[in-house]
Amino acid sequence: MRTYIAGLLGCLSLVTLAAYGQTSTATISGVVRDPSGGVVPGAAITAKHDSTGQSREAQTSAAGNYTITNLPIGSYTISAGATGFK
C-alpha cells in the first residue's frame, strides 16, 4: 500500500510541474525596417487586440527592435509609425 501511495504522489507532482509552465499571456516582438531595409529607431508600435479593441504601445530601440509583453492571448493588428514615414 505504501508503494502505491508513493507512486501516486510522484505522478501527481509531475502533473503539477507540467501545469506550472503554462501561461495565459503572449509576447509580440519584431524589427521595424524602412523600404530600403534600414532599421527605424524611435518608431511608435501599437498592438491592437482584434476581439476586444484594447491596445498596447511600445517604441523601437536604436536597433529598430520592439517587444510588447504580457498581452492577453488572441489575434492582434500591429501598426508602426515614425516621423517622416507614411
PDB file of N, CA and C in Angstrom:
ATOM      1  N   MET A   1       0.824  -1.191   0.000  1.00  0.00           N
ATOM      2  CA  MET A   1       0.000   0.000   0.000  1.00  0.00           C
ATOM      3  C   MET A   1       0.876   1.265   0.000  1.00  0.00           C
ATOM      4  N   ARG A   2       1.968   1.264   0.761  1.00  0.00           N
ATOM      5  CA  ARG A   2       2.848   2.442   0.801  1.00  0.00           C
ATOM      6  C   ARG A   2       3.471   2.693  -0.565  1.00  0.00           C
ATOM      7  N   THR A   3       3.827   1.639  -1.278  1.00  0.00           N
ATOM      8  CA  THR A   3       4.409   1.801  -2.601  1.00  0.00           C
ATOM      9  C   THR A   3       3.400   2.444  -3.549  1.00  0.00           C
ATOM     10  N   TYR A   4       2.155   2.023  -3.447  1.00  0.00           N
ATOM     11  CA  TYR A   4       1.095   2.577  -4.285  1.00  0.00           C
ATOM     12  C   TYR A   4       0.913   4.071  -4.005  1.00  0.00           C
ATOM     13  N   ILE A   5       0.870   4.453  -2.739  1.00  0.00           N
ATOM     14  CA  ILE A   5       0.685   5.861  -2.364  1.00  0.00           C
ATOM     15  C   ILE A   5       1.886   6.694  -2.804  1.00  0.00           C
ATOM     16  N   ALA A   6       3.094   6.155  -2.624  1.00  0.00           N
ATOM     17  CA  ALA A   6       4.294   6.883  -3.040  1.00  0.00           C
ATOM     18  C   ALA A   6       4.295   7.084  -4.548  1.00  0.00           C
ATOM     19  N   GLY A   7       3.900   6.064  -5.296  1.00  0.00           N
ATOM     20  CA  GLY A   7       3.830   6.189  -6.760  1.00  0.00           C
ATOM     21  C   GLY A   7       2.789   7.198  -7.189  1.00  0.00           C
ATOM     22  N   LEU A   8       1.633   7.185  -6.530  1.00  0.00           N
ATOM     23  CA  LEU A   8       0.565   8.124  -6.847  1.00  0.00           C
ATOM     24  C   LEU A   8       1.004   9.560  -6.569  1.00  0.00           C
ATOM     25  N   LEU A   9       1.655   9.786  -5.438  1.00  0.00           N
ATOM     26  CA  LEU A   9       2.141  11.134  -5.117  1.00  0.00           C
ATOM     27  C   LEU A   9       3.200  11.583  -6.115  1.00  0.00           C
ATOM     28  N   GLY A  10       4.055  10.678  -6.542  1.00  0.00           N
ATOM     29  CA  GLY A  10       5.074  11.003  -7.535  1.00  0.00           C
ATOM     30  C   GLY A  10       4.445  11.436  -8.849  1.00  0.00           C
ATOM     31  N   CYS A  11       3.404  10.713  -9.291  1.00  0.00           N
ATOM     32  CA  CYS A  11       2.710  11.075 -10.535  1.00  0.00           C
ATOM     33  C   CYS A  11       2.014  12.428 -10.412  1.00  0.00           C
ATOM     34  N   LEU A  12       1.390  12.687  -9.283  1.00  0.00           N
ATOM     35  CA  LEU A  12       0.708  13.966  -9.082  1.00  0.00           C
ATOM     36  C   LEU A  12       1.695  15.134  -9.094  1.00  0.00           C
ATOM     37  N   SER A  13       2.880  14.937  -8.540  1.00  0.00           N
ATOM     38  CA  SER A  13       3.864  16.021  -8.533  1.00  0.00           C
ATOM     39  C   SER A  13       4.334  16.314  -9.949  1.00  0.00           C
ATOM     40  N   LEU A  14       4.430  15.305 -10.825  1.00  0.00           N
ATOM     41  CA  LEU A  14       4.820  15.548 -12.213  1.00  0.00           C
ATOM     42  C   LEU A  14       3.742  16.324 -12.958  1.00  0.00           C
ATOM     43  N   VAL A  15       2.494  16.029 -12.702  1.00  0.00           N
ATOM     44  CA  VAL A  15       1.396  16.753 -13.336  1.00  0.00           C
ATOM     45  C   VAL A  15       1.410  18.210 -12.896  1.00  0.00           C
ATOM     46  N   THR A  16       1.658  18.451 -11.629  1.00  0.00           N
ATOM     47  CA  THR A  16       1.715  19.817 -11.106  1.00  0.00           C
ATOM     48  C   THR A  16       2.857  20.591 -11.750  1.00  0.00           C
ATOM     49  N   LEU A  17       4.032  19.977 -11.918  1.00  0.00           N
ATOM     50  CA  LEU A  17       5.155  20.657 -12.552  1.00  0.00           C
ATOM     51  C   LEU A  17       4.859  20.975 -14.009  1.00  0.00           C
ATOM     52  N   ALA A  18       4.188  20.089 -14.718  1.00  0.00           N
ATOM     53  CA  ALA A  18       3.871  20.327 -16.121  1.00  0.00           C
ATOM     54  C   ALA A  18       2.896  21.495 -16.265  1.00  0.00           C
ATOM     55  N   ALA A  19       1.928  21.617 -15.403  1.00  0.00           N
ATOM     56  CA  ALA A  19       0.937  22.694 -15.478  1.00  0.00           C
ATOM     57  C   ALA A  19       1.538  24.031 -15.074  1.00  0.00           C
ATOM     58  N   TYR A  20       2.574  24.029 -14.265  1.00  0.00           N
ATOM     59  CA  TYR A  20       3.173  25.265 -13.774  1.00  0.00           C
ATOM     60  C   TYR A  20       3.755  26.097 -14.914  1.00  0.00           C
ATOM     61  N   GLY A  21       4.272  25.475 -15.960  1.00  0.00           N
ATOM     62  CA  GLY A  21       4.920  26.199 -17.037  1.00  0.00           C
ATOM     63  C   GLY A  21       3.972  26.846 -18.019  1.00  0.00           C
ATOM     64  N   GLN A  22       2.682  26.610 -17.909  1.00  0.00           N
ATOM     65  CA  GLN A  22       1.728  27.187 -18.849  1.00  0.00           C
ATOM     66  C   GLN A  22       1.391  28.621 -18.448  1.00  0.00           C
ATOM     67  N   THR A  23       1.220  29.481 -19.457  1.00  0.00           N
ATOM     68  CA  THR A  23       0.884  30.876 -19.185  1.00  0.00           C
ATOM     69  C   THR A  23      -0.356  31.274 -19.975  1.00  0.00           C
ATOM     70  N   SER A  24      -0.942  32.385 -19.600  1.00  0.00           N
ATOM     71  CA  SER A  24      -2.117  32.873 -20.309  1.00  0.00           C
ATOM     72  C   SER A  24      -1.865  34.249 -20.924  1.00  0.00           C
ATOM     73  N   THR A  25      -0.598  34.564 -21.154  1.00  0.00           N
ATOM     74  CA  THR A  25      -0.250  35.822 -21.806  1.00  0.00           C
ATOM     75  C   THR A  25       0.688  35.548 -22.972  1.00  0.00           C
ATOM     76  N   ALA A  26       0.848  36.552 -23.818  1.00  0.00           N
ATOM     77  CA  ALA A  26       1.681  36.412 -25.005  1.00  0.00           C
ATOM     78  C   ALA A  26       2.662  37.575 -25.099  1.00  0.00           C
ATOM     79  N   THR A  27       3.658  37.399 -25.967  1.00  0.00           N
ATOM     80  CA  THR A  27       4.643  38.434 -26.252  1.00  0.00           C
ATOM     81  C   THR A  27       4.735  38.610 -27.760  1.00  0.00           C
ATOM     82  N   ILE A  28       4.769  39.852 -28.199  1.00  0.00           N
ATOM     83  CA  ILE A  28       4.971  40.162 -29.612  1.00  0.00           C
ATOM     84  C   ILE A  28       6.268  40.949 -29.705  1.00  0.00           C
ATOM     85  N   SER A  29       7.132  40.559 -30.649  1.00  0.00           N
ATOM     86  CA  SER A  29       8.379  41.300 -30.847  1.00  0.00           C
ATOM     87  C   SER A  29       8.718  41.327 -32.327  1.00  0.00           C
ATOM     88  N   GLY A  30       9.544  42.280 -32.711  1.00  0.00           N
ATOM     89  CA  GLY A  30       9.929  42.389 -34.113  1.00  0.00           C
ATOM     90  C   GLY A  30      10.913  43.508 -34.336  1.00  0.00           C
ATOM     91  N   VAL A  31      11.179  43.775 -35.603  1.00  0.00           N
ATOM     92  CA  VAL A  31      12.088  44.837 -36.022  1.00  0.00           C
ATOM     93  C   VAL A  31      11.358  45.667 -37.064  1.00  0.00           C
ATOM     94  N   VAL A  32      11.424  46.983 -36.946  1.00  0.00           N
ATOM     95  CA  VAL A  32      10.816  47.875 -37.933  1.00  0.00           C
ATOM     96  C   VAL A  32      11.917  48.327 -38.891  1.00  0.00           C
ATOM     97  N   ARG A  33      11.638  48.117 -40.190  1.00  0.00           N
ATOM     98  CA  ARG A  33      12.603  48.495 -41.235  1.00  0.00           C
ATOM     99  C   ARG A  33      11.916  49.406 -42.259  1.00  0.00           C
ATOM    100  N   ASP A  34      12.706  50.288 -42.862  1.00  0.00           N
ATOM    101  CA  ASP A  34      12.187  51.131 -43.931  1.00  0.00           C
ATOM    102  C   ASP A  34      12.259  50.354 -45.248  1.00  0.00           C
ATOM    103  N   PRO A  35      11.720  50.929 -46.347  1.00  0.00           N
ATOM    104  CA  PRO A  35      11.713  50.206 -47.622  1.00  0.00           C
ATOM    105  C   PRO A  35      13.091  49.781 -48.126  1.00  0.00           C
ATOM    106  N   SER A  36      14.138  50.495 -47.717  1.00  0.00           N
ATOM    107  CA  SER A  36      15.489  50.121 -48.161  1.00  0.00           C
ATOM    108  C   SER A  36      16.121  49.060 -47.264  1.00  0.00           C
ATOM    109  N   GLY A  37      15.424  48.669 -46.186  1.00  0.00           N
ATOM    110  CA  GLY A  37      15.948  47.634 -45.295  1.00  0.00           C
ATOM    111  C   GLY A  37      16.623  48.169 -44.050  1.00  0.00           C
ATOM    112  N   GLY A  38      16.757  49.477 -43.947  1.00  0.00           N
ATOM    113  CA  GLY A  38      17.356  50.078 -42.760  1.00  0.00           C
ATOM    114  C   GLY A  38      16.391  50.054 -41.584  1.00  0.00           C
ATOM    115  N   VAL A  39      16.931  49.966 -40.375  1.00  0.00           N
ATOM    116  CA  VAL A  39      16.080  49.934 -39.180  1.00  0.00           C
ATOM    117  C   VAL A  39      15.537  51.332 -38.887  1.00  0.00           C
ATOM    118  N   VAL A  40      14.398  51.380 -38.200  1.00  0.00           N
ATOM    119  CA  VAL A  40      13.752  52.652 -37.862  1.00  0.00           C
ATOM    120  C   VAL A  40      13.728  52.800 -36.344  1.00  0.00           C
ATOM    121  N   PRO A  41      14.679  53.550 -35.769  1.00  0.00           N
ATOM    122  CA  PRO A  41      14.670  53.762 -34.322  1.00  0.00           C
ATOM    123  C   PRO A  41      13.585  54.758 -33.923  1.00  0.00           C
ATOM    124  N   GLY A  42      13.022  54.565 -32.747  1.00  0.00           N
ATOM    125  CA  GLY A  42      12.038  55.507 -32.213  1.00  0.00           C
ATOM    126  C   GLY A  42      10.665  55.425 -32.841  1.00  0.00           C
ATOM    127  N   ALA A  43      10.374  54.366 -33.581  1.00  0.00           N
ATOM    128  CA  ALA A  43       9.045  54.226 -34.187  1.00  0.00           C
ATOM    129  C   ALA A  43       8.034  53.843 -33.109  1.00  0.00           C
ATOM    130  N   ALA A  44       6.828  54.383 -33.219  1.00  0.00           N
ATOM    131  CA  ALA A  44       5.750  54.051 -32.288  1.00  0.00           C
ATOM    132  C   ALA A  44       5.055  52.785 -32.789  1.00  0.00           C
ATOM    133  N   ILE A  45       4.970  51.762 -31.944  1.00  0.00           N
ATOM    134  CA  ILE A  45       4.345  50.490 -32.278  1.00  0.00           C
ATOM    135  C   ILE A  45       3.048  50.370 -31.484  1.00  0.00           C
ATOM    136  N   THR A  46       1.971  49.967 -32.148  1.00  0.00           N
ATOM    137  CA  THR A  46       0.693  49.729 -31.481  1.00  0.00           C
ATOM    138  C   THR A  46       0.235  48.310 -31.794  1.00  0.00           C
ATOM    139  N   ALA A  47      -0.089  47.559 -30.747  1.00  0.00           N
ATOM    140  CA  ALA A  47      -0.659  46.218 -30.879  1.00  0.00           C
ATOM    141  C   ALA A  47      -2.104  46.306 -30.414  1.00  0.00           C
ATOM    142  N   LYS A  48      -3.055  46.120 -31.341  1.00  0.00           N
ATOM    143  CA  LYS A  48      -4.484  46.223 -31.016  1.00  0.00           C
ATOM    144  C   LYS A  48      -5.105  44.832 -31.068  1.00  0.00           C
ATOM    145  N   HIS A  49      -5.700  44.414 -29.942  1.00  0.00           N
ATOM    146  CA  HIS A  49      -6.364  43.112 -29.857  1.00  0.00           C
ATOM    147  C   HIS A  49      -7.593  43.141 -30.761  1.00  0.00           C
ATOM    148  N   ASP A  50      -7.673  42.201 -31.711  1.00  0.00           N
ATOM    149  CA  ASP A  50      -8.747  42.220 -32.700  1.00  0.00           C
ATOM    150  C   ASP A  50     -10.134  42.030 -32.099  1.00  0.00           C
ATOM    151  N   SER A  51     -10.256  41.246 -31.032  1.00  0.00           N
ATOM    152  CA  SER A  51     -11.581  40.979 -30.453  1.00  0.00           C
ATOM    153  C   SER A  51     -12.038  42.048 -29.474  1.00  0.00           C
ATOM    154  N   THR A  52     -11.128  42.543 -28.640  1.00  0.00           N
ATOM    155  CA  THR A  52     -11.522  43.477 -27.582  1.00  0.00           C
ATOM    156  C   THR A  52     -11.288  44.936 -27.930  1.00  0.00           C
ATOM    157  N   GLY A  53     -10.414  45.199 -28.895  1.00  0.00           N
ATOM    158  CA  GLY A  53     -10.091  46.576 -29.251  1.00  0.00           C
ATOM    159  C   GLY A  53      -9.076  47.221 -28.326  1.00  0.00           C
ATOM    160  N   GLN A  54      -8.660  46.520 -27.280  1.00  0.00           N
ATOM    161  CA  GLN A  54      -7.656  47.077 -26.372  1.00  0.00           C
ATOM    162  C   GLN A  54      -6.321  47.163 -27.098  1.00  0.00           C
ATOM    163  N   SER A  55      -5.543  48.183 -26.776  1.00  0.00           N
ATOM    164  CA  SER A  55      -4.253  48.325 -27.434  1.00  0.00           C
ATOM    165  C   SER A  55      -3.152  48.604 -26.427  1.00  0.00           C
ATOM    166  N   ARG A  56      -1.955  48.219 -26.818  1.00  0.00           N
ATOM    167  CA  ARG A  56      -0.746  48.477 -26.037  1.00  0.00           C
ATOM    168  C   ARG A  56       0.276  49.101 -26.976  1.00  0.00           C
ATOM    169  N   GLU A  57       1.117  49.946 -26.429  1.00  0.00           N
ATOM    170  CA  GLU A  57       2.098  50.659 -27.251  1.00  0.00           C
ATOM    171  C   GLU A  57       3.512  50.402 -26.777  1.00  0.00           C
ATOM    172  N   ALA A  58       4.441  50.533 -27.709  1.00  0.00           N
ATOM    173  CA  ALA A  58       5.870  50.414 -27.414  1.00  0.00           C
ATOM    174  C   ALA A  58       6.607  51.318 -28.392  1.00  0.00           C
ATOM    175  N   GLN A  59       7.896  51.439 -28.182  1.00  0.00           N
ATOM    176  CA  GLN A  59       8.730  52.234 -29.081  1.00  0.00           C
ATOM    177  C   GLN A  59       9.950  51.401 -29.454  1.00  0.00           C
ATOM    178  N   THR A  60      10.391  51.513 -30.711  1.00  0.00           N
ATOM    179  CA  THR A  60      11.553  50.738 -31.133  1.00  0.00           C
ATOM    180  C   THR A  60      12.833  51.304 -30.528  1.00  0.00           C
ATOM    181  N   SER A  61      13.781  50.401 -30.349  1.00  0.00           N
ATOM    182  CA  SER A  61      15.093  50.779 -29.819  1.00  0.00           C
ATOM    183  C   SER A  61      15.938  51.398 -30.933  1.00  0.00           C
ATOM    184  N   ALA A  62      17.165  51.757 -30.613  1.00  0.00           N
ATOM    185  CA  ALA A  62      18.088  52.306 -31.605  1.00  0.00           C
ATOM    186  C   ALA A  62      18.345  51.304 -32.729  1.00  0.00           C
ATOM    187  N   ALA A  63      18.176  50.008 -32.441  1.00  0.00           N
ATOM    188  CA  ALA A  63      18.376  48.958 -33.443  1.00  0.00           C
ATOM    189  C   ALA A  63      17.070  48.599 -34.157  1.00  0.00           C
ATOM    190  N   GLY A  64      15.979  49.336 -33.888  1.00  0.00           N
ATOM    191  CA  GLY A  64      14.705  49.088 -34.541  1.00  0.00           C
ATOM    192  C   GLY A  64      13.874  47.976 -33.924  1.00  0.00           C
ATOM    193  N   ASN A  65      14.334  47.419 -32.804  1.00  0.00           N
ATOM    194  CA  ASN A  65      13.630  46.304 -32.151  1.00  0.00           C
ATOM    195  C   ASN A  65      12.537  46.801 -31.217  1.00  0.00           C
ATOM    196  N   TYR A  66      11.499  45.975 -31.065  1.00  0.00           N
ATOM    197  CA  TYR A  66      10.459  46.246 -30.077  1.00  0.00           C
ATOM    198  C   TYR A  66       9.966  44.933 -29.494  1.00  0.00           C
ATOM    199  N   THR A  67       9.447  45.004 -28.273  1.00  0.00           N
ATOM    200  CA  THR A  67       8.836  43.865 -27.595  1.00  0.00           C
ATOM    201  C   THR A  67       7.681  44.386 -26.754  1.00  0.00           C
ATOM    202  N   ILE A  68       6.547  43.714 -26.878  1.00  0.00           N
ATOM    203  CA  ILE A  68       5.383  44.030 -26.046  1.00  0.00           C
ATOM    204  C   ILE A  68       5.028  42.745 -25.315  1.00  0.00           C
ATOM    205  N   THR A  69       5.078  42.778 -23.980  1.00  0.00           N
ATOM    206  CA  THR A  69       4.870  41.581 -23.175  1.00  0.00           C
ATOM    207  C   THR A  69       3.528  41.604 -22.437  1.00  0.00           C
ATOM    208  N   ASN A  70       3.206  40.472 -21.845  1.00  0.00           N
ATOM    209  CA  ASN A  70       2.009  40.305 -21.006  1.00  0.00           C
ATOM    210  C   ASN A  70       0.708  40.680 -21.726  1.00  0.00           C
ATOM    211  N   LEU A  71       0.604  40.295 -22.985  1.00  0.00           N
ATOM    212  CA  LEU A  71      -0.609  40.548 -23.756  1.00  0.00           C
ATOM    213  C   LEU A  71      -1.588  39.397 -23.557  1.00  0.00           C
ATOM    214  N   PRO A  72      -2.879  39.679 -23.459  1.00  0.00           N
ATOM    215  CA  PRO A  72      -3.856  38.594 -23.435  1.00  0.00           C
ATOM    216  C   PRO A  72      -3.756  37.797 -24.745  1.00  0.00           C
ATOM    217  N   ILE A  73      -3.930  36.492 -24.659  1.00  0.00           N
ATOM    218  CA  ILE A  73      -3.859  35.640 -25.838  1.00  0.00           C
ATOM    219  C   ILE A  73      -4.932  36.064 -26.840  1.00  0.00           C
ATOM    220  N   GLY A  74      -4.595  36.078 -28.122  1.00  0.00           N
ATOM    221  CA  GLY A  74      -5.555  36.418 -29.158  1.00  0.00           C
ATOM    222  C   GLY A  74      -4.862  36.910 -30.414  1.00  0.00           C
ATOM    223  N   SER A  75      -5.644  37.354 -31.363  1.00  0.00           N
ATOM    224  CA  SER A  75      -5.120  37.915 -32.614  1.00  0.00           C
ATOM    225  C   SER A  75      -4.946  39.420 -32.452  1.00  0.00           C
ATOM    226  N   TYR A  76      -3.862  39.936 -33.027  1.00  0.00           N
ATOM    227  CA  TYR A  76      -3.542  41.356 -32.916  1.00  0.00           C
ATOM    228  C   TYR A  76      -3.266  41.958 -34.284  1.00  0.00           C
ATOM    229  N   THR A  77      -3.580  43.233 -34.406  1.00  0.00           N
ATOM    230  CA  THR A  77      -3.172  44.018 -35.563  1.00  0.00           C
ATOM    231  C   THR A  77      -2.054  44.926 -35.080  1.00  0.00           C
ATOM    232  N   ILE A  78      -0.910  44.851 -35.756  1.00  0.00           N
ATOM    233  CA  ILE A  78       0.262  45.626 -35.358  1.00  0.00           C
ATOM    234  C   ILE A  78       0.438  46.772 -36.353  1.00  0.00           C
ATOM    235  N   SER A  79       0.642  47.978 -35.839  1.00  0.00           N
ATOM    236  CA  SER A  79       0.918  49.123 -36.695  1.00  0.00           C
ATOM    237  C   SER A  79       2.148  49.849 -36.172  1.00  0.00           C
ATOM    238  N   ALA A  80       2.841  50.515 -37.086  1.00  0.00           N
ATOM    239  CA  ALA A  80       4.045  51.263 -36.722  1.00  0.00           C
ATOM    240  C   ALA A  80       4.004  52.604 -37.409  1.00  0.00           C
ATOM    241  N   GLY A  81       4.530  53.609 -36.748  1.00  0.00           N
ATOM    242  CA  GLY A  81       4.592  54.937 -37.323  1.00  0.00           C
ATOM    243  C   GLY A  81       5.817  55.676 -36.824  1.00  0.00           C
ATOM    244  N   ALA A  82       6.372  56.503 -37.684  1.00  0.00           N
ATOM    245  CA  ALA A  82       7.534  57.320 -37.290  1.00  0.00           C
ATOM    246  C   ALA A  82       7.476  58.606 -38.080  1.00  0.00           C
ATOM    247  N   THR A  83       8.047  59.650 -37.539  1.00  0.00           N
ATOM    248  CA  THR A  83       8.092  60.938 -38.205  1.00  0.00           C
ATOM    249  C   THR A  83       8.792  60.792 -39.551  1.00  0.00           C
ATOM    250  N   GLY A  84       8.136  61.277 -40.604  1.00  0.00           N
ATOM    251  CA  GLY A  84       8.722  61.224 -41.941  1.00  0.00           C
ATOM    252  C   GLY A  84       8.347  59.972 -42.729  1.00  0.00           C
ATOM    253  N   PHE A  85       7.585  59.047 -42.127  1.00  0.00           N
ATOM    254  CA  PHE A  85       7.160  57.826 -42.816  1.00  0.00           C
ATOM    255  C   PHE A  85       5.653  57.794 -42.922  1.00  0.00           C
ATOM    256  N   LYS A  86       5.163  57.196 -43.997  1.00  0.00           N
ATOM    257  CA  LYS A  86       3.723  57.046 -44.181  1.00  0.00           C
ATOM    258  C   LYS A  86       3.331  55.629 -43.870  1.00  0.00           C
TER     259      LYS A  86
END
